[in-house]
Protein backbone atom coordinates (compact mmCIF):
# COMPACT_ATOMS: atom_id res chain seq x y z
CA MET A 1 105.54 45.75 271.42
CA MET A 2 107.49 48.88 270.51
CA LYS A 3 106.66 50.55 267.02
CA LYS A 4 109.71 52.43 265.12
CA ARG A 5 108.79 55.59 263.29
CA LEU A 6 110.83 57.29 261.07
CA LEU A 7 109.89 61.14 259.92
CA SER A 8 111.85 64.02 260.74
CA LEU A 9 112.95 66.56 263.36
CA ALA A 10 113.45 69.48 264.53
CA LEU A 11 116.57 70.14 266.51
CA ALA A 12 119.58 71.75 265.66
CA ALA A 13 121.94 74.52 267.14
CA VAL A 14 125.12 73.58 269.19
CA MET A 15 127.81 73.98 271.71
CA ALA A 16 128.92 74.32 275.00
CA GLY A 17 127.37 73.06 278.56
CA SER A 18 125.75 70.20 276.05
CA LEU A 19 128.51 67.65 276.40
CA THR A 20 128.42 64.13 274.69
CA ALA A 21 126.59 61.68 272.69
CA CYS A 22 125.59 60.46 275.98
CA GLY A 23 124.32 63.78 276.90
CA GLY A 24 123.67 62.57 272.30
CA GLY A 25 113.70 67.12 257.55
CA ALA A 26 112.08 69.47 255.54
CA SER A 27 112.83 72.28 253.59
CA THR A 28 111.04 74.56 256.30
CA PRO A 29 113.77 75.24 258.80
CA ALA A 30 114.16 73.06 262.12
CA GLY A 31 111.14 74.26 264.38
CA GLY A 32 110.12 76.83 261.96
CA ASP A 33 106.44 77.38 261.30
CA THR A 34 104.81 75.11 264.16
CA SER A 35 101.48 76.06 264.76
CA ALA A 36 98.71 74.02 262.67
CA ALA A 37 95.96 75.69 265.22
CA GLY A 38 97.48 78.89 265.74
CA THR A 39 99.72 77.04 268.92
CA THR A 40 102.99 75.90 269.70
CA ALA A 41 104.44 74.14 272.42
CA GLY A 42 104.96 76.52 275.06
CA SER A 43 103.01 79.46 272.92
CA ALA A 44 103.08 82.48 275.35
CA ALA A 45 99.41 82.31 273.98
CA ASP A 46 98.54 79.54 276.30
CA THR A 47 96.59 80.16 279.64
CA SER A 48 98.29 77.80 282.19
CA ALA A 49 96.23 76.54 285.37
CA ALA A 50 99.59 77.09 287.18
CA ALA A 51 99.01 80.78 286.42
CA ASP A 52 95.13 80.96 287.11
CA ALA A 53 96.60 78.95 290.93
CA GLY A 54 98.93 82.11 291.38
CA ALA A 55 96.02 84.45 290.57
CA ALA A 56 94.18 82.88 293.31
CA GLY A 57 96.72 83.46 295.52
CA ASP A 58 97.63 79.39 295.68
CA GLN A 59 101.24 78.26 295.64
CA ILE A 60 102.02 75.08 293.51
CA THR A 61 105.89 73.36 294.03
CA MET A 62 106.69 71.22 291.24
CA LYS A 63 109.10 68.60 291.42
CA TRP A 64 111.81 68.17 288.58
CA ALA A 65 113.89 65.03 288.50
CA MET A 66 117.03 65.30 286.69
CA TRP A 67 120.63 65.12 286.54
CA ASP A 68 124.08 67.31 286.84
CA LYS A 69 122.48 70.03 288.56
CA ASP A 70 125.75 72.34 288.94
CA ILE A 71 126.90 71.79 285.55
CA MET A 72 124.25 72.38 282.86
CA PRO A 73 123.67 75.64 282.25
CA TYR A 74 120.34 76.04 281.53
CA TYR A 75 118.25 74.81 284.31
CA THR A 76 118.40 78.42 286.30
CA PRO A 77 117.05 80.69 283.56
CA ILE A 78 114.77 77.82 282.31
CA ILE A 79 113.09 77.83 285.96
CA GLU A 80 113.78 81.65 286.06
CA ALA A 81 111.67 82.46 283.41
CA TYR A 82 108.97 79.89 283.81
CA GLU A 83 108.27 81.17 287.42
CA ALA A 84 108.33 84.55 286.19
CA LYS A 85 105.44 83.77 283.98
CA ASN A 86 103.63 81.87 286.09
CA PRO A 87 103.97 83.37 289.69
CA GLY A 88 101.87 80.83 291.30
CA VAL A 89 104.57 77.68 290.88
CA LYS A 90 107.82 77.07 292.13
CA ILE A 91 110.21 74.52 290.29
CA GLU A 92 112.32 72.58 292.59
CA LEU A 93 114.59 70.63 291.29
CA VAL A 94 116.05 67.17 292.35
CA ASP A 95 119.41 66.24 291.21
CA LEU A 96 119.84 62.35 290.91
CA GLY A 97 122.89 62.34 289.62
CA GLY A 98 124.24 61.40 286.33
CA SER A 99 125.98 57.78 286.26
CA ASP A 100 123.29 55.44 287.29
CA TYR A 101 120.37 58.43 286.63
CA GLN A 102 117.60 56.10 284.50
CA THR A 103 118.11 53.18 286.91
CA VAL A 104 117.78 55.60 289.66
CA LEU A 105 114.72 57.46 287.88
CA ALA A 106 113.08 54.20 287.36
CA THR A 107 113.50 52.98 291.23
CA GLN A 108 111.78 56.31 292.45
CA LEU A 109 108.71 56.47 290.06
CA THR A 110 108.01 52.76 291.01
CA GLY A 111 108.38 52.94 294.25
CA SER A 112 105.33 54.31 296.78
CA GLY A 113 105.01 58.10 297.19
CA SER A 114 106.90 58.99 294.46
CA ASP A 115 105.88 62.77 293.89
CA PHE A 116 107.69 63.82 290.93
CA ASP A 117 106.03 66.26 288.85
CA ILE A 118 108.19 66.57 285.77
CA ALA A 119 111.02 63.47 284.76
CA THR A 120 113.70 64.30 282.42
CA ILE A 121 114.63 61.04 280.09
CA LYS A 122 118.09 60.53 279.55
CA ASP A 123 118.11 57.96 276.22
CA VAL A 124 115.94 56.21 274.63
CA PRO A 125 116.46 52.50 276.67
CA GLY A 126 115.99 54.49 279.96
CA TYR A 127 112.23 55.97 278.48
CA THR A 128 111.65 52.40 276.95
CA THR A 129 111.85 50.78 280.53
CA LEU A 130 109.70 53.91 282.42
CA VAL A 131 107.17 53.09 279.65
CA ASN A 132 107.07 49.31 280.24
CA LYS A 133 106.68 49.51 283.74
CA GLY A 134 103.84 51.84 283.58
CA VAL A 135 104.97 54.55 285.26
CA LEU A 136 104.55 57.63 282.46
CA GLU A 137 101.69 59.50 281.37
CA PRO A 138 100.70 59.52 277.86
CA LEU A 139 101.02 63.18 276.37
CA ASP A 140 98.47 62.53 273.46
CA SER A 141 95.27 63.99 275.66
CA TYR A 142 97.36 67.29 276.69
CA ILE A 143 98.77 67.82 272.96
CA GLU A 144 95.40 67.47 271.11
CA LYS A 145 93.89 69.88 273.80
CA ASP A 146 96.04 72.33 273.07
CA GLY A 147 96.51 71.73 269.27
CA ILE A 148 100.20 71.36 269.54
CA ASP A 149 102.03 70.39 266.17
CA LEU A 150 104.59 68.11 266.59
CA SER A 151 106.12 69.10 263.01
CA GLY A 152 108.47 70.93 264.38
CA TYR A 153 110.32 68.22 265.97
CA LYS A 154 110.71 66.59 262.81
CA GLY A 155 109.41 63.23 263.10
CA LEU A 156 111.36 62.62 266.50
CA THR A 157 108.30 62.33 268.38
CA ASP A 158 106.37 59.46 265.89
CA GLN A 159 110.28 57.79 266.62
CA VAL A 160 109.49 57.60 270.23
CA LYS A 161 105.89 56.45 270.07
CA VAL A 162 104.93 53.31 272.18
CA ASP A 163 102.20 51.42 271.05
CA ASP A 164 100.57 55.04 268.88
CA LYS A 165 101.09 56.75 272.16
CA LEU A 166 103.75 59.18 273.07
CA TYR A 167 105.02 59.62 276.34
CA GLU A 168 107.88 62.46 276.28
CA LEU A 169 108.46 65.84 274.70
CA PRO A 170 111.96 66.50 273.43
CA PHE A 171 113.63 69.71 274.89
CA ARG A 172 117.41 69.10 273.49
CA SER A 173 119.02 67.62 271.05
CA ASP A 174 122.71 66.64 269.20
CA PHE A 175 122.74 65.41 265.64
CA TRP A 176 125.35 64.47 263.57
CA VAL A 177 127.38 66.66 260.98
CA LEU A 178 130.70 66.86 259.21
CA PHE A 179 133.49 68.94 261.01
CA TYR A 180 136.45 69.96 258.80
CA ASN A 181 139.54 71.50 259.18
CA LYS A 182 139.91 74.86 257.04
CA ASP A 183 143.71 74.78 257.30
CA VAL A 184 144.07 71.32 255.59
CA PHE A 185 142.19 72.51 252.84
CA ASP A 186 143.92 75.85 252.45
CA LYS A 187 147.09 73.92 252.48
CA ALA A 188 145.93 71.47 249.41
CA GLY A 189 144.38 73.91 247.73
CA VAL A 190 140.95 72.41 247.41
CA ALA A 191 137.54 73.92 248.04
CA TYR A 192 135.82 73.15 251.63
CA PRO A 193 133.00 70.36 251.54
CA THR A 194 129.45 71.89 251.04
CA ASN A 195 126.00 71.42 252.61
CA ASP A 196 125.44 69.32 249.61
CA MET A 197 127.38 66.49 249.12
CA THR A 198 126.25 63.20 247.98
CA PHE A 199 128.48 60.19 249.16
CA GLU A 200 130.14 59.71 245.93
CA GLN A 201 130.94 63.35 246.22
CA TYR A 202 132.11 62.78 250.06
CA ASP A 203 134.50 59.74 249.02
CA GLN A 204 135.80 61.83 245.85
CA LEU A 205 136.69 64.84 248.24
CA ALA A 206 138.48 62.77 251.41
CA ARG A 207 140.18 60.93 248.40
CA GLN A 208 141.38 64.42 246.75
CA MET A 209 142.29 65.44 250.31
CA THR A 210 144.68 62.45 251.41
CA ASN A 211 148.35 62.72 251.47
CA THR A 212 149.92 58.78 252.38
CA GLU A 213 153.99 60.51 252.25
CA PRO A 214 155.72 59.69 255.28
CA GLY A 215 155.95 62.35 257.40
CA GLN A 216 153.12 64.24 256.00
CA GLU A 217 150.20 62.10 256.07
CA VAL A 218 146.97 63.37 255.58
CA PHE A 219 143.75 61.52 256.51
CA GLY A 220 140.78 62.71 254.02
CA ALA A 221 138.14 61.52 256.67
CA HIS A 222 138.38 59.58 260.06
CA TYR A 223 135.94 57.42 261.56
CA HIS A 224 135.70 56.69 265.19
CA THR A 225 135.19 53.34 266.37
CA TRP A 226 131.63 53.15 267.28
CA ARG A 227 129.33 51.50 264.75
CA SER A 228 127.06 54.69 264.36
CA ALA A 229 129.84 56.54 262.41
CA VAL A 230 129.42 53.73 259.66
CA GLN A 231 126.21 51.80 259.63
CA LEU A 232 123.53 54.69 260.49
CA PHE A 233 124.65 56.16 257.08
CA GLY A 234 122.13 53.72 256.01
CA ILE A 235 119.42 54.73 257.34
CA LEU A 236 119.40 58.07 255.95
CA ASP A 237 117.41 57.85 253.12
CA GLY A 238 114.30 57.04 255.30
CA LYS A 239 113.43 53.73 253.88
CA ASN A 240 115.28 52.00 256.16
CA GLY A 241 116.01 51.40 259.73
CA ILE A 242 118.52 49.95 262.26
CA LEU A 243 116.28 47.72 263.71
CA ASP A 244 114.95 46.10 260.49
CA GLY A 245 116.75 42.65 260.72
CA LYS A 246 117.85 42.54 257.51
CA TYR A 247 121.16 44.60 256.89
CA GLU A 248 122.04 44.64 253.00
CA PHE A 249 121.67 48.25 252.80
CA LEU A 250 124.59 48.50 254.79
CA LYS A 251 127.11 46.99 252.10
CA PRO A 252 127.40 50.07 249.89
CA TYR A 253 128.77 52.25 253.39
CA TYR A 254 130.99 49.52 254.30
CA GLU A 255 132.59 49.20 251.25
CA MET A 256 133.52 52.66 251.04
CA ILE A 257 134.85 53.06 254.22
CA LEU A 258 136.76 49.51 254.21
CA SER A 259 137.84 51.15 250.85
CA GLN A 260 139.13 54.13 251.74
CA GLN A 261 140.96 52.39 254.86
CA GLU A 262 143.23 50.17 252.33
CA ASP A 263 143.74 53.23 250.61
CA GLY A 264 145.15 55.54 253.43
CA VAL A 265 142.08 57.83 253.27
CA CYS A 266 141.01 56.99 256.83
CA GLN A 267 143.33 55.49 259.58
CA ASP A 268 143.10 51.55 260.35
CA TYR A 269 140.22 50.80 262.46
CA ALA A 270 142.29 47.88 264.50
CA THR A 271 144.96 50.66 264.90
CA LEU A 272 142.80 53.18 266.52
CA LYS A 273 141.14 50.43 268.55
CA THR A 274 144.45 49.30 270.04
CA SER A 275 145.98 53.14 270.61
CA ASN A 276 142.25 53.93 272.02
CA LEU A 277 142.75 57.31 270.13
CA HIS A 278 139.79 59.51 270.56
CA TYR A 279 138.05 61.30 267.95
CA THR A 280 138.61 64.41 269.83
CA GLY A 281 142.51 63.52 270.02
CA ALA A 282 142.79 62.89 266.33
CA PHE A 283 141.05 65.58 264.89
CA SER A 284 142.84 68.05 267.34
CA GLN A 285 146.67 66.54 265.82
CA GLY A 286 145.50 68.59 262.55
CA ASN A 287 146.23 66.13 259.71
CA VAL A 288 142.44 65.12 259.41
CA ALA A 289 140.69 66.98 257.35
CA MET A 290 137.02 65.96 257.79
CA MET A 291 135.46 64.07 260.20
CA ASN A 292 131.70 62.87 260.84
CA MET A 293 130.61 63.65 264.35
CA GLY A 294 128.04 64.93 266.98
CA THR A 295 127.23 68.69 267.28
CA TRP A 296 128.46 67.87 270.85
CA PHE A 297 131.60 67.66 269.57
CA ILE A 298 131.44 71.81 269.26
CA SER A 299 131.52 72.75 272.56
CA THR A 300 134.61 70.66 273.29
CA LEU A 301 136.25 72.11 270.38
CA ILE A 302 135.76 75.57 271.28
CA GLU A 303 136.72 75.30 275.22
CA LYS A 304 139.68 73.56 273.97
CA ILE A 305 140.66 76.11 271.45
CA ASN A 306 140.28 79.09 273.89
CA ALA A 307 142.35 77.12 276.75
CA GLY A 308 145.08 76.85 274.18
CA GLU A 309 144.85 72.94 273.92
CA TYR A 310 144.41 72.68 270.45
CA THR A 311 146.42 74.51 268.53
CA ASP A 312 146.17 72.37 265.05
CA CYS A 313 142.56 72.60 264.42
CA THR A 314 141.61 76.74 265.16
CA ASN A 315 140.37 77.31 262.00
CA TRP A 316 137.27 74.48 261.61
CA GLY A 317 133.85 74.39 260.37
CA ILE A 318 131.01 71.98 259.90
CA VAL A 319 128.59 71.14 257.09
CA LYS A 320 125.62 68.84 256.81
CA TYR A 321 126.18 65.14 256.52
CA PRO A 322 126.81 63.87 253.11
CA HIS A 323 123.64 62.02 251.43
CA ALA A 324 122.48 59.69 249.29
CA ASP A 325 121.29 60.21 245.59
CA GLY A 326 117.95 61.35 245.68
CA VAL A 327 117.91 62.17 249.35
CA GLU A 328 117.55 66.00 251.15
CA PRO A 329 120.44 67.61 252.75
CA GLY A 330 120.13 68.00 255.99
CA SER A 331 119.20 64.30 256.47
CA THR A 332 120.89 63.19 259.86
CA LEU A 333 121.13 61.37 262.80
CA ALA A 334 120.16 62.48 266.27
CA THR A 335 120.25 62.20 270.27
CA ILE A 336 117.34 63.41 272.15
CA THR A 337 116.70 64.51 276.01
CA ALA A 338 113.09 64.66 276.99
CA LEU A 339 110.38 65.46 279.52
CA SER A 340 107.79 63.49 281.09
CA ILE A 341 104.83 63.61 283.34
CA PRO A 342 104.83 60.43 285.82
CA THR A 343 101.96 58.81 285.96
CA SER A 344 101.96 59.81 290.12
CA ALA A 345 102.78 63.77 289.60
CA PRO A 346 100.49 65.49 292.06
CA HIS A 347 99.94 68.39 289.52
CA LYS A 348 99.90 67.16 286.02
CA ASP A 349 98.08 70.22 284.27
CA GLN A 350 101.01 72.55 285.77
CA ALA A 351 104.02 69.69 284.71
CA TRP A 352 102.04 69.65 281.57
CA ASP A 353 102.28 73.58 281.36
CA PHE A 354 105.96 73.74 282.20
CA ILE A 355 106.79 70.68 279.61
CA LYS A 356 105.00 72.76 276.47
CA PHE A 357 107.33 75.79 277.59
CA VAL A 358 110.76 74.12 278.35
CA CYS A 359 109.87 72.15 275.13
CA GLY A 360 108.58 75.30 272.54
CA GLU A 361 110.57 77.74 271.03
CA GLU A 362 110.50 79.92 274.41
CA GLY A 363 112.41 77.26 276.12
CA ALA A 364 114.62 76.57 272.87
CA GLU A 365 115.29 80.42 273.02
CA ILE A 366 117.01 79.99 276.57
CA LEU A 367 118.35 76.78 275.73
CA ALA A 368 120.10 78.34 272.90
CA LYS A 369 121.33 81.27 274.76
CA THR A 370 123.53 78.80 277.33
CA GLY A 371 125.07 76.92 274.29
CA THR A 372 122.77 74.20 274.57
CA ILE A 373 121.12 72.69 271.29
CA PRO A 374 117.61 72.54 271.66
CA ALA A 375 114.77 70.37 270.14
CA ILE A 376 112.81 73.36 268.40
CA MET A 377 115.09 75.24 265.71
CA THR A 378 113.68 78.16 263.94
CA ASP A 379 116.20 80.94 262.09
CA ASP A 380 116.03 82.96 265.10
CA ILE A 381 117.17 80.28 267.29
CA ALA A 382 119.92 79.24 265.13
CA GLY A 383 120.69 82.43 264.71
CA MET A 384 121.65 82.94 268.60
CA VAL A 385 124.06 79.20 268.20
CA SER A 386 125.69 80.52 265.45
CA ALA A 387 126.16 83.83 267.16
CA THR A 388 128.19 82.23 270.56
CA ALA A 389 131.38 82.94 270.70
CA GLY A 390 133.90 80.45 268.83
CA PHE A 391 131.30 79.12 266.74
CA PRO A 392 132.90 79.81 262.82
CA SER A 393 131.82 82.45 261.30
CA ASP A 394 131.24 81.39 257.75
CA GLU A 395 127.86 81.11 256.35
CA ASN A 396 128.21 77.33 255.38
CA SER A 397 128.54 76.10 259.18
CA LYS A 398 125.53 78.57 260.26
CA ASP A 399 123.25 76.34 257.59
CA ALA A 400 124.60 73.32 258.61
CA LEU A 401 122.52 74.14 262.17
CA GLN A 402 119.13 73.83 259.89
CA THR A 403 118.08 69.64 259.39
CA ALA A 404 115.95 68.70 257.11
CA ASN A 405 114.95 64.57 258.50
CA LEU A 406 116.52 63.68 261.83
CA TYR A 407 116.33 59.72 262.60
CA LEU A 408 117.53 58.30 266.07
CA GLU A 409 120.42 56.36 266.65
CA MET A 410 118.69 53.79 268.00
CA PRO A 411 114.69 53.71 268.22
CA VAL A 412 112.35 52.82 270.40
CA ASN A 413 112.09 49.14 270.90
CA ALA A 414 112.02 46.55 273.90
CA HIS A 415 115.17 44.28 272.55
CA SER A 416 117.07 47.92 271.63
CA SER A 417 119.87 46.90 274.18
CA GLU A 418 120.12 43.26 272.69
CA VAL A 419 120.31 44.43 269.03
CA GLU A 420 122.93 46.91 269.69
CA VAL A 421 125.17 44.21 271.35
CA VAL A 422 124.87 42.41 268.10
CA LEU A 423 125.29 45.29 265.81
CA ASN A 424 128.28 46.36 267.65
CA GLU A 425 130.23 42.73 267.37
CA ALA A 426 129.00 42.60 263.95
CA HIS A 427 130.75 46.19 263.01
CA ASP A 428 133.87 45.35 265.07
CA ASN A 429 134.33 41.84 262.83
CA ILE A 430 134.13 43.81 259.85
CA MET A 431 136.35 46.53 260.05
CA THR A 432 138.87 44.35 261.44
CA GLY A 433 138.73 41.58 258.95
CA ASN A 434 137.78 38.96 261.07
CA MET A 435 134.25 38.49 258.62
CA THR A 436 133.75 40.05 255.19
CA ILE A 437 130.83 42.26 254.68
CA ASP A 438 128.83 39.47 253.52
CA GLU A 439 129.60 37.29 256.57
CA GLY A 440 129.28 40.40 259.03
CA ILE A 441 125.62 41.10 257.26
CA ALA A 442 124.42 37.85 257.59
CA ASP A 443 125.46 37.72 261.13
CA MET A 444 123.24 40.71 261.72
CA ASN A 445 120.65 39.58 259.87
CA GLU A 446 120.59 35.88 261.47
CA LYS A 447 120.77 37.12 265.35
CA VAL A 448 118.99 40.51 264.81
CA SER A 449 115.97 38.52 263.31
CA ALA A 450 115.85 36.02 266.25
CA ILE A 451 116.24 38.82 268.78
CA LEU A 452 113.17 40.57 267.19
CA GLY A 453 110.95 37.31 266.76
CA GLN A 454 111.09 37.64 262.86
């Protein structure tokens, strides 16, 4: 049985090559001082078995299972940096393709003769499948031996533990922020959103920015049709989880957004579904004041603006997610990409050394320089991201890269995919008016509890 944990994680940063959500804590900056025992993941102080092998004149070749080799900008610089530091090691990339990556990887790792040393894990359901099949090596003994302080990941590593064991370490991530159009706010003469807004303040600001006059419509807020754009507001206090089986905690957020919809603050959900209007298209039209979305959208914005495709949202910024009363600003939702060691790996110690490097601060700096969001975020790394051409220059946007508590959109659980179907259906019924909020919540409670055996 999978155990879901909620802590906080480190991860921040933004943009470019990173792509979409499918890719996708604390008062200290993400990944700040992560060395409990003087050692952080990937620290230059580590002495690797791979380096020792190089000194002895031996050559080790490790195979890394991944996808989109020619698209992702970080593979080459990561490999070059690691090989320079470890002359006895060569990293061989094996591209398994992006569309069915997790299925292909599972087939490879469960087959005879698999010789991958490092496996990239694309999503939580895929990770769960591999753990259940027994083809991933627990990392706990390696972490304990090297004194790795996992607090730099701000709780994400706790959320992917299975039976209290950790089988992957995150190296990149995306998280949700609030995008806003500065020109829309300037035209209305209203101050920009801040990095410390309660949901009540956010709702008031969205209403203040709304203009329902025909021909001059401005939507104070926009919500994509994903259930996560609404439901996951409810888990940011750390008290409730999306796999709890009891969903009364969602009621205030559905009440807020349905009220906004009725008052023209946001676009009608059913209309968005019928028109298939994507969130990128909605924001690019220049009549949306604020939109909650993942940091994967940053690279798209920069690219489209530079290409001249987006002309009505060129002056934009980001701030931290709104939060419930008493919740730390910067508490938000996350998606991760991680690295694991297959149980059949020929060079497990060397594979761990590589994972420490990629998932630690050295790897994070390399990722940030390519515009990719790393799982470890220090002030310096965040500075690299915010210095990227096209990123907003205001301090609030830079500060928005520093997170506090990060919660997975869907935690590890053997029944995650089944639960996802139920939550999506209930969300659709509530937002289209086919069910009242109470009816939708009762539907979720009954069906999810049955799935989880509660």
